[in-house]
Amino acid sequence: MMKKKKRKTVLVDRYERYEDIGEMFSTSCRNMELSVPSNLRMICAILDVNVETILYDYKWIVCCTFTGEATRKQRRAAQAFFIARGYGQKSYSKKQIKQMFGELENELKIFKTTDKMSDEELGLFWKNNHMYGEYWFKRWFNVNTRKDDIGVLQKY
């Protein structure tokens, strides 16, 4: 008589790859050399604020990230500047760009609900957040049937 082998159950997390955000979709560090106009230097000296602080604040505020704190009014002003400069409007309408910013802002609201989550819940939250970030980028990137491959993200 043959003994039946007991089957071992192996749990597979099909979303494991979203544990950490993919390098292509994560924050990247850049070293830049910037020309700082004299008028900006002077006003910064008068007001006792560093140019780096202004740039740091703007970049985090405009993208509605959870790093740094900004009021809704500050986010709206940063986004209005972005739109008023015409950035992205050769491919997207102002309405679409406002929708993009709105979606990022909604993601920020969801993040603010995580403070009482358990470690397991936080792990699930971050996987979902990373999956959504990748989905969000690809969806908007392909809205207007761009000719580029999404790998172009590496250049930005």
N, C-alpha and C. Protein backbone atom coordinates (compact mmCIF):
# COMPACT_ATOMS: atom_id res chain seq x y z
N MET A 1 0.83 -1.18 0.00
CA MET A 1 0.00 0.00 0.00
C MET A 1 0.88 1.25 0.00
N MET A 2 0.58 2.21 -0.88
CA MET A 2 1.35 3.45 -0.99
C MET A 2 0.76 4.52 -0.08
N LYS A 3 1.66 5.23 0.54
CA LYS A 3 1.22 6.34 1.37
C LYS A 3 0.95 7.54 0.48
N LYS A 4 -0.09 8.25 0.80
CA LYS A 4 -0.38 9.48 0.07
C LYS A 4 0.52 10.58 0.60
N LYS A 5 1.10 11.31 -0.32
CA LYS A 5 1.91 12.45 0.11
C LYS A 5 1.00 13.61 0.46
N LYS A 6 1.31 14.22 1.56
CA LYS A 6 0.55 15.41 1.93
C LYS A 6 1.03 16.56 1.06
N ARG A 7 0.07 17.27 0.54
CA ARG A 7 0.41 18.43 -0.28
C ARG A 7 0.66 19.63 0.63
N LYS A 8 1.69 20.31 0.29
CA LYS A 8 2.04 21.50 1.05
C LYS A 8 1.43 22.71 0.34
N THR A 9 0.72 23.51 1.08
CA THR A 9 0.12 24.70 0.50
C THR A 9 1.15 25.82 0.50
N VAL A 10 1.33 26.38 -0.66
CA VAL A 10 2.26 27.49 -0.80
C VAL A 10 1.47 28.72 -1.19
N LEU A 11 1.57 29.74 -0.37
CA LEU A 11 0.88 30.98 -0.67
C LEU A 11 1.74 31.82 -1.60
N VAL A 12 1.13 32.29 -2.65
CA VAL A 12 1.85 33.12 -3.61
C VAL A 12 1.18 34.48 -3.64
N ASP A 13 1.97 35.48 -3.43
CA ASP A 13 1.47 36.84 -3.49
C ASP A 13 1.72 37.38 -4.89
N ARG A 14 0.69 37.39 -5.70
CA ARG A 14 0.89 37.80 -7.09
C ARG A 14 1.16 39.30 -7.21
N TYR A 15 1.00 40.03 -6.12
CA TYR A 15 1.27 41.46 -6.14
C TYR A 15 2.58 41.80 -5.42
N GLU A 16 3.39 40.78 -5.17
CA GLU A 16 4.64 40.96 -4.44
C GLU A 16 5.55 41.99 -5.11
N ARG A 17 5.52 42.03 -6.44
CA ARG A 17 6.42 42.96 -7.14
C ARG A 17 6.09 44.42 -6.83
N TYR A 18 4.94 44.67 -6.24
CA TYR A 18 4.56 46.04 -5.89
C TYR A 18 4.91 46.39 -4.45
N GLU A 19 5.58 45.46 -3.76
CA GLU A 19 6.01 45.71 -2.38
C GLU A 19 6.81 47.01 -2.33
N ASP A 20 7.75 47.12 -3.22
CA ASP A 20 8.51 48.36 -3.38
C ASP A 20 8.16 48.91 -4.75
N ILE A 21 8.13 50.22 -4.84
CA ILE A 21 7.78 50.82 -6.12
C ILE A 21 8.90 50.56 -7.12
N GLY A 22 8.53 50.26 -8.34
CA GLY A 22 9.53 50.02 -9.38
C GLY A 22 10.43 51.22 -9.58
N GLU A 23 11.68 50.97 -9.83
CA GLU A 23 12.64 52.07 -9.97
C GLU A 23 12.18 53.12 -10.97
N MET A 24 11.57 52.65 -12.07
CA MET A 24 11.13 53.59 -13.10
C MET A 24 10.06 54.54 -12.57
N PHE A 25 9.27 54.11 -11.59
CA PHE A 25 8.16 54.91 -11.09
C PHE A 25 8.46 55.59 -9.75
N SER A 26 9.68 55.48 -9.27
CA SER A 26 10.01 56.04 -7.97
C SER A 26 10.64 57.43 -8.11
N THR A 27 10.81 58.08 -6.98
CA THR A 27 11.46 59.38 -6.95
C THR A 27 12.90 59.20 -7.39
N SER A 28 13.38 60.12 -8.20
CA SER A 28 14.78 60.02 -8.62
C SER A 28 15.54 61.27 -8.19
N CYS A 29 16.79 61.10 -7.91
CA CYS A 29 17.64 62.21 -7.50
C CYS A 29 18.38 62.75 -8.72
N ARG A 30 18.47 64.04 -8.79
CA ARG A 30 19.19 64.69 -9.89
C ARG A 30 20.09 65.77 -9.34
N ASN A 31 21.25 65.88 -9.91
CA ASN A 31 22.12 67.01 -9.62
C ASN A 31 21.96 67.99 -10.77
N MET A 32 21.61 69.20 -10.44
CA MET A 32 21.38 70.20 -11.47
C MET A 32 22.18 71.45 -11.16
N GLU A 33 22.59 72.07 -12.20
CA GLU A 33 23.24 73.37 -12.05
C GLU A 33 22.24 74.39 -12.56
N LEU A 34 21.84 75.31 -11.68
CA LEU A 34 20.83 76.30 -12.05
C LEU A 34 21.41 77.70 -12.05
N SER A 35 20.96 78.47 -12.98
CA SER A 35 21.29 79.88 -13.00
C SER A 35 20.24 80.59 -12.15
N VAL A 36 20.68 81.28 -11.12
CA VAL A 36 19.75 81.98 -10.24
C VAL A 36 19.80 83.47 -10.59
N PRO A 37 18.71 83.99 -11.13
CA PRO A 37 18.69 85.40 -11.52
C PRO A 37 18.95 86.32 -10.33
N SER A 38 19.59 87.42 -10.61
CA SER A 38 19.95 88.36 -9.53
C SER A 38 18.73 88.86 -8.78
N ASN A 39 17.64 89.12 -9.48
CA ASN A 39 16.44 89.60 -8.79
C ASN A 39 15.91 88.57 -7.80
N LEU A 40 15.98 87.31 -8.16
CA LEU A 40 15.54 86.25 -7.24
C LEU A 40 16.49 86.16 -6.05
N ARG A 41 17.78 86.24 -6.31
CA ARG A 41 18.76 86.21 -5.21
C ARG A 41 18.51 87.37 -4.24
N MET A 42 18.26 88.56 -4.81
CA MET A 42 18.05 89.74 -3.95
C MET A 42 16.78 89.61 -3.12
N ILE A 43 15.69 89.20 -3.76
CA ILE A 43 14.44 89.08 -3.00
C ILE A 43 14.54 87.97 -1.95
N CYS A 44 15.26 86.91 -2.29
CA CYS A 44 15.48 85.84 -1.31
C CYS A 44 16.29 86.35 -0.12
N ALA A 45 17.30 87.16 -0.38
CA ALA A 45 18.12 87.72 0.70
C ALA A 45 17.29 88.66 1.57
N ILE A 46 16.47 89.49 0.94
CA ILE A 46 15.62 90.42 1.69
C ILE A 46 14.63 89.66 2.55
N LEU A 47 14.02 88.61 1.99
CA LEU A 47 12.98 87.85 2.69
C LEU A 47 13.53 86.69 3.52
N ASP A 48 14.85 86.51 3.48
CA ASP A 48 15.52 85.46 4.25
C ASP A 48 14.97 84.06 3.93
N VAL A 49 14.96 83.73 2.64
CA VAL A 49 14.54 82.41 2.20
C VAL A 49 15.53 81.93 1.13
N ASN A 50 15.90 80.67 1.19
CA ASN A 50 16.83 80.12 0.21
C ASN A 50 16.11 79.76 -1.09
N VAL A 51 16.79 79.93 -2.20
CA VAL A 51 16.25 79.51 -3.50
C VAL A 51 15.93 78.02 -3.45
N GLU A 52 16.80 77.23 -2.83
CA GLU A 52 16.59 75.79 -2.72
C GLU A 52 15.27 75.47 -2.01
N THR A 53 14.94 76.25 -0.99
CA THR A 53 13.69 76.04 -0.25
C THR A 53 12.49 76.28 -1.16
N ILE A 54 12.55 77.34 -1.94
CA ILE A 54 11.46 77.65 -2.86
C ILE A 54 11.27 76.52 -3.87
N LEU A 55 12.36 76.08 -4.48
CA LEU A 55 12.28 75.01 -5.47
C LEU A 55 11.82 73.70 -4.83
N TYR A 56 12.33 73.39 -3.65
CA TYR A 56 11.94 72.19 -2.92
C TYR A 56 10.44 72.21 -2.65
N ASP A 57 9.96 73.31 -2.10
CA ASP A 57 8.54 73.42 -1.78
C ASP A 57 7.68 73.28 -3.03
N TYR A 58 8.03 73.99 -4.08
CA TYR A 58 7.22 73.96 -5.29
C TYR A 58 7.13 72.55 -5.88
N LYS A 59 8.25 71.88 -5.98
CA LYS A 59 8.22 70.56 -6.63
C LYS A 59 7.37 69.57 -5.85
N TRP A 60 7.37 69.63 -4.52
CA TRP A 60 6.56 68.70 -3.73
C TRP A 60 5.10 69.14 -3.68
N ILE A 61 4.85 70.45 -3.69
CA ILE A 61 3.47 70.94 -3.63
C ILE A 61 2.74 70.69 -4.94
N VAL A 62 3.38 70.98 -6.06
CA VAL A 62 2.70 70.85 -7.36
C VAL A 62 2.27 69.42 -7.64
N CYS A 63 3.03 68.44 -7.16
CA CYS A 63 2.70 67.04 -7.47
C CYS A 63 1.84 66.38 -6.40
N CYS A 64 1.40 67.15 -5.40
CA CYS A 64 0.49 66.66 -4.35
C CYS A 64 1.05 65.44 -3.64
N THR A 65 2.30 65.46 -3.31
CA THR A 65 2.88 64.31 -2.62
C THR A 65 2.69 64.44 -1.13
N PHE A 66 2.89 63.34 -0.44
CA PHE A 66 2.73 63.32 1.01
C PHE A 66 3.98 63.79 1.72
N THR A 67 5.05 64.06 0.98
CA THR A 67 6.26 64.60 1.58
C THR A 67 6.09 66.11 1.70
N GLY A 68 6.23 66.60 2.88
CA GLY A 68 6.02 68.04 3.08
C GLY A 68 4.54 68.32 3.25
N GLU A 69 4.23 69.41 3.83
CA GLU A 69 2.84 69.78 4.06
C GLU A 69 2.53 71.02 3.25
N ALA A 70 1.35 71.03 2.68
CA ALA A 70 0.88 72.19 1.93
C ALA A 70 -0.62 72.26 2.08
N THR A 71 -1.13 73.47 2.07
CA THR A 71 -2.58 73.63 2.13
C THR A 71 -3.15 73.43 0.73
N ARG A 72 -4.44 73.23 0.68
CA ARG A 72 -5.11 73.07 -0.62
C ARG A 72 -4.91 74.33 -1.46
N LYS A 73 -4.97 75.48 -0.81
CA LYS A 73 -4.78 76.77 -1.51
C LYS A 73 -3.39 76.84 -2.14
N GLN A 74 -2.36 76.37 -1.41
CA GLN A 74 -0.99 76.36 -1.95
C GLN A 74 -0.87 75.40 -3.13
N ARG A 75 -1.49 74.21 -3.00
CA ARG A 75 -1.46 73.25 -4.12
C ARG A 75 -2.14 73.82 -5.34
N ARG A 76 -3.29 74.46 -5.15
CA ARG A 76 -4.02 75.05 -6.27
C ARG A 76 -3.19 76.14 -6.95
N ALA A 77 -2.51 76.95 -6.16
CA ALA A 77 -1.68 78.03 -6.72
C ALA A 77 -0.52 77.46 -7.54
N ALA A 78 0.12 76.42 -7.02
CA ALA A 78 1.24 75.79 -7.74
C ALA A 78 0.74 75.17 -9.04
N GLN A 79 -0.40 74.53 -8.99
CA GLN A 79 -0.97 73.91 -10.19
C GLN A 79 -1.42 74.97 -11.19
N ALA A 80 -1.99 76.07 -10.69
CA ALA A 80 -2.41 77.17 -11.58
C ALA A 80 -1.21 77.75 -12.32
N PHE A 81 -0.09 77.89 -11.61
CA PHE A 81 1.14 78.37 -12.25
C PHE A 81 1.57 77.40 -13.35
N PHE A 82 1.56 76.12 -13.05
CA PHE A 82 1.95 75.07 -13.99
C PHE A 82 1.09 75.17 -15.26
N ILE A 83 -0.21 75.30 -15.06
CA ILE A 83 -1.15 75.37 -16.19
C ILE A 83 -1.01 76.69 -16.93
N ALA A 84 -0.87 77.80 -16.19
CA ALA A 84 -0.73 79.11 -16.82
C ALA A 84 0.51 79.19 -17.71
N ARG A 85 1.55 78.47 -17.35
CA ARG A 85 2.77 78.43 -18.17
C ARG A 85 2.58 77.60 -19.44
N GLY A 86 1.48 76.84 -19.52
CA GLY A 86 1.19 76.05 -20.71
C GLY A 86 1.87 74.70 -20.74
N TYR A 87 2.44 74.27 -19.62
CA TYR A 87 3.14 72.99 -19.59
C TYR A 87 2.17 71.85 -19.95
N GLY A 88 2.58 71.03 -20.90
CA GLY A 88 1.81 69.84 -21.28
C GLY A 88 0.62 70.08 -22.17
N GLN A 89 0.33 71.34 -22.50
CA GLN A 89 -0.90 71.63 -23.23
C GLN A 89 -0.81 71.39 -24.74
N LYS A 90 0.35 70.96 -25.20
CA LYS A 90 0.39 70.55 -26.61
C LYS A 90 -0.20 69.16 -26.77
N SER A 91 -0.25 68.39 -25.67
CA SER A 91 -0.79 67.03 -25.72
C SER A 91 -2.07 66.85 -24.91
N TYR A 92 -2.29 67.70 -23.91
CA TYR A 92 -3.43 67.55 -23.02
C TYR A 92 -4.14 68.89 -22.85
N SER A 93 -5.45 68.83 -22.66
CA SER A 93 -6.22 70.05 -22.42
C SER A 93 -6.02 70.51 -20.97
N LYS A 94 -6.37 71.76 -20.71
CA LYS A 94 -6.29 72.26 -19.33
C LYS A 94 -7.17 71.40 -18.42
N LYS A 95 -8.33 71.02 -18.92
CA LYS A 95 -9.25 70.19 -18.14
C LYS A 95 -8.61 68.85 -17.77
N GLN A 96 -7.93 68.23 -18.73
CA GLN A 96 -7.27 66.95 -18.46
C GLN A 96 -6.15 67.12 -17.43
N ILE A 97 -5.38 68.20 -17.56
CA ILE A 97 -4.28 68.44 -16.62
C ILE A 97 -4.84 68.68 -15.22
N LYS A 98 -5.93 69.44 -15.13
CA LYS A 98 -6.56 69.66 -13.82
C LYS A 98 -7.06 68.33 -13.24
N GLN A 99 -7.58 67.46 -14.11
CA GLN A 99 -8.03 66.15 -13.65
C GLN A 99 -6.86 65.33 -13.13
N MET A 100 -5.72 65.39 -13.82
CA MET A 100 -4.52 64.67 -13.35
C MET A 100 -4.15 65.13 -11.95
N PHE A 101 -4.08 66.46 -11.77
CA PHE A 101 -3.74 67.00 -10.46
C PHE A 101 -4.78 66.60 -9.41
N GLY A 102 -6.06 66.60 -9.80
CA GLY A 102 -7.12 66.20 -8.88
C GLY A 102 -6.96 64.77 -8.43
N GLU A 103 -6.59 63.90 -9.35
CA GLU A 103 -6.39 62.49 -9.01
C GLU A 103 -5.21 62.33 -8.06
N LEU A 104 -4.15 63.10 -8.27
CA LEU A 104 -3.00 63.04 -7.36
C LEU A 104 -3.38 63.56 -5.99
N GLU A 105 -4.21 64.60 -5.97
CA GLU A 105 -4.64 65.16 -4.69
C GLU A 105 -5.53 64.17 -3.93
N ASN A 106 -6.37 63.44 -4.65
CA ASN A 106 -7.21 62.42 -4.00
C ASN A 106 -6.36 61.31 -3.40
N GLU A 107 -5.29 60.95 -4.09
CA GLU A 107 -4.37 59.94 -3.56
C GLU A 107 -3.75 60.42 -2.25
N LEU A 108 -3.44 61.71 -2.19
CA LEU A 108 -2.89 62.30 -0.97
C LEU A 108 -3.89 62.19 0.18
N LYS A 109 -5.17 62.43 -0.11
CA LYS A 109 -6.21 62.33 0.92
C LYS A 109 -6.28 60.91 1.48
N ILE A 110 -6.17 59.93 0.60
CA ILE A 110 -6.20 58.53 1.04
C ILE A 110 -4.99 58.24 1.94
N PHE A 111 -3.82 58.75 1.56
CA PHE A 111 -2.61 58.53 2.36
C PHE A 111 -2.79 59.04 3.79
N LYS A 112 -3.50 60.14 3.93
CA LYS A 112 -3.67 60.75 5.26
C LYS A 112 -4.55 59.91 6.19
N THR A 113 -5.10 58.82 5.69
CA THR A 113 -5.94 57.95 6.53
C THR A 113 -5.17 56.75 7.07
N THR A 114 -3.87 56.69 6.86
CA THR A 114 -3.11 55.49 7.20
C THR A 114 -2.52 55.46 8.60
N ASP A 115 -2.63 56.54 9.36
CA ASP A 115 -1.91 56.59 10.63
C ASP A 115 -2.30 55.51 11.64
N LYS A 116 -3.50 54.97 11.57
CA LYS A 116 -3.90 53.96 12.56
C LYS A 116 -3.90 52.55 11.98
N MET A 117 -3.28 52.37 10.83
CA MET A 117 -3.25 51.05 10.20
C MET A 117 -2.20 50.15 10.85
N SER A 118 -2.50 48.88 10.86
CA SER A 118 -1.53 47.90 11.36
C SER A 118 -0.43 47.74 10.30
N ASP A 119 0.65 47.06 10.66
CA ASP A 119 1.74 46.84 9.71
C ASP A 119 1.25 46.07 8.48
N GLU A 120 0.41 45.09 8.71
CA GLU A 120 -0.12 44.30 7.60
C GLU A 120 -0.98 45.16 6.67
N GLU A 121 -1.81 46.00 7.28
CA GLU A 121 -2.66 46.90 6.49
C GLU A 121 -1.81 47.93 5.72
N LEU A 122 -0.76 48.42 6.37
CA LEU A 122 0.13 49.37 5.69
C LEU A 122 0.84 48.71 4.51
N GLY A 123 1.26 47.47 4.68
CA GLY A 123 1.89 46.75 3.57
C GLY A 123 0.95 46.65 2.39
N LEU A 124 -0.30 46.31 2.67
CA LEU A 124 -1.31 46.21 1.62
C LEU A 124 -1.57 47.58 1.00
N PHE A 125 -1.62 48.61 1.84
CA PHE A 125 -1.83 49.97 1.33
C PHE A 125 -0.73 50.37 0.35
N TRP A 126 0.54 50.12 0.73
CA TRP A 126 1.65 50.52 -0.14
C TRP A 126 1.67 49.73 -1.44
N LYS A 127 1.33 48.45 -1.38
CA LYS A 127 1.25 47.68 -2.63
C LYS A 127 0.20 48.29 -3.54
N ASN A 128 -0.96 48.59 -2.97
CA ASN A 128 -2.03 49.20 -3.76
C ASN A 128 -1.59 50.56 -4.31
N ASN A 129 -0.95 51.34 -3.46
CA ASN A 129 -0.49 52.66 -3.87
C ASN A 129 0.50 52.57 -5.02
N HIS A 130 1.44 51.64 -4.93
CA HIS A 130 2.43 51.47 -5.99
C HIS A 130 1.80 50.95 -7.27
N MET A 131 0.85 50.02 -7.14
CA MET A 131 0.15 49.50 -8.32
C MET A 131 -0.62 50.63 -8.99
N TYR A 132 -1.31 51.43 -8.17
CA TYR A 132 -2.10 52.52 -8.73
C TYR A 132 -1.21 53.56 -9.41
N GLY A 133 -0.09 53.90 -8.79
CA GLY A 133 0.83 54.88 -9.38
C GLY A 133 1.28 54.45 -10.77
N GLU A 134 1.63 53.19 -10.91
CA GLU A 134 2.06 52.66 -12.20
C GLU A 134 0.90 52.69 -13.20
N TYR A 135 -0.27 52.26 -12.74
CA TYR A 135 -1.47 52.27 -13.59
C TYR A 135 -1.81 53.70 -14.02
N TRP A 136 -1.79 54.63 -13.05
CA TRP A 136 -2.13 56.03 -13.31
C TRP A 136 -1.22 56.61 -14.39
N PHE A 137 0.08 56.39 -14.24
CA PHE A 137 1.02 56.92 -15.23
C PHE A 137 0.74 56.35 -16.62
N LYS A 138 0.62 55.04 -16.70
CA LYS A 138 0.41 54.41 -18.01
C LYS A 138 -0.91 54.88 -18.64
N ARG A 139 -1.95 55.01 -17.84
CA ARG A 139 -3.25 55.44 -18.36
C ARG A 139 -3.15 56.84 -18.95
N TRP A 140 -2.57 57.78 -18.20
CA TRP A 140 -2.47 59.15 -18.70
C TRP A 140 -1.45 59.26 -19.83
N PHE A 141 -0.39 58.52 -19.73
CA PHE A 141 0.64 58.56 -20.77
C PHE A 141 0.06 58.16 -22.13
N ASN A 142 -0.83 57.19 -22.11
CA ASN A 142 -1.39 56.65 -23.35
C ASN A 142 -2.72 57.26 -23.77
N VAL A 143 -3.22 58.25 -23.03
CA VAL A 143 -4.50 58.88 -23.36
C VAL A 143 -4.53 59.39 -24.80
N ASN A 144 -3.49 60.04 -25.18
CA ASN A 144 -3.46 60.66 -26.51
C ASN A 144 -2.62 59.86 -27.49
N THR A 145 -2.56 58.58 -27.29
CA THR A 145 -1.79 57.65 -28.13
C THR A 145 -0.41 58.22 -28.48
N ARG A 146 0.37 58.44 -27.46
CA ARG A 146 1.74 58.93 -27.66
C ARG A 146 2.53 57.93 -28.46
N LYS A 147 3.44 58.44 -29.22
CA LYS A 147 4.30 57.59 -30.04
C LYS A 147 5.45 57.00 -29.22
N ASP A 148 5.81 57.68 -28.13
CA ASP A 148 6.92 57.22 -27.28
C ASP A 148 6.53 55.96 -26.52
N ASP A 149 7.54 55.23 -26.09
CA ASP A 149 7.37 54.10 -25.19
C ASP A 149 7.37 54.66 -23.76
N ILE A 150 6.70 53.98 -22.81
CA ILE A 150 6.68 54.51 -21.44
C ILE A 150 8.06 54.61 -20.82
N GLY A 151 9.04 53.93 -21.40
CA GLY A 151 10.41 54.02 -20.92
C GLY A 151 10.97 55.43 -20.97
N VAL A 152 10.29 56.31 -21.69
CA VAL A 152 10.72 57.71 -21.76
C VAL A 152 10.71 58.36 -20.37
N LEU A 153 9.94 57.77 -19.44
CA LEU A 153 9.89 58.25 -18.07
C LEU A 153 11.29 58.35 -17.46
N GLN A 154 12.18 57.44 -17.85
CA GLN A 154 13.55 57.44 -17.31
C GLN A 154 14.28 58.75 -17.59
N LYS A 155 13.91 59.44 -18.66
CA LYS A 155 14.59 60.69 -19.03
C LYS A 155 14.16 61.87 -18.15
N TYR A 156 13.00 61.75 -17.53
CA TYR A 156 12.44 62.89 -16.79
C TYR A 156 12.77 62.86 -15.32
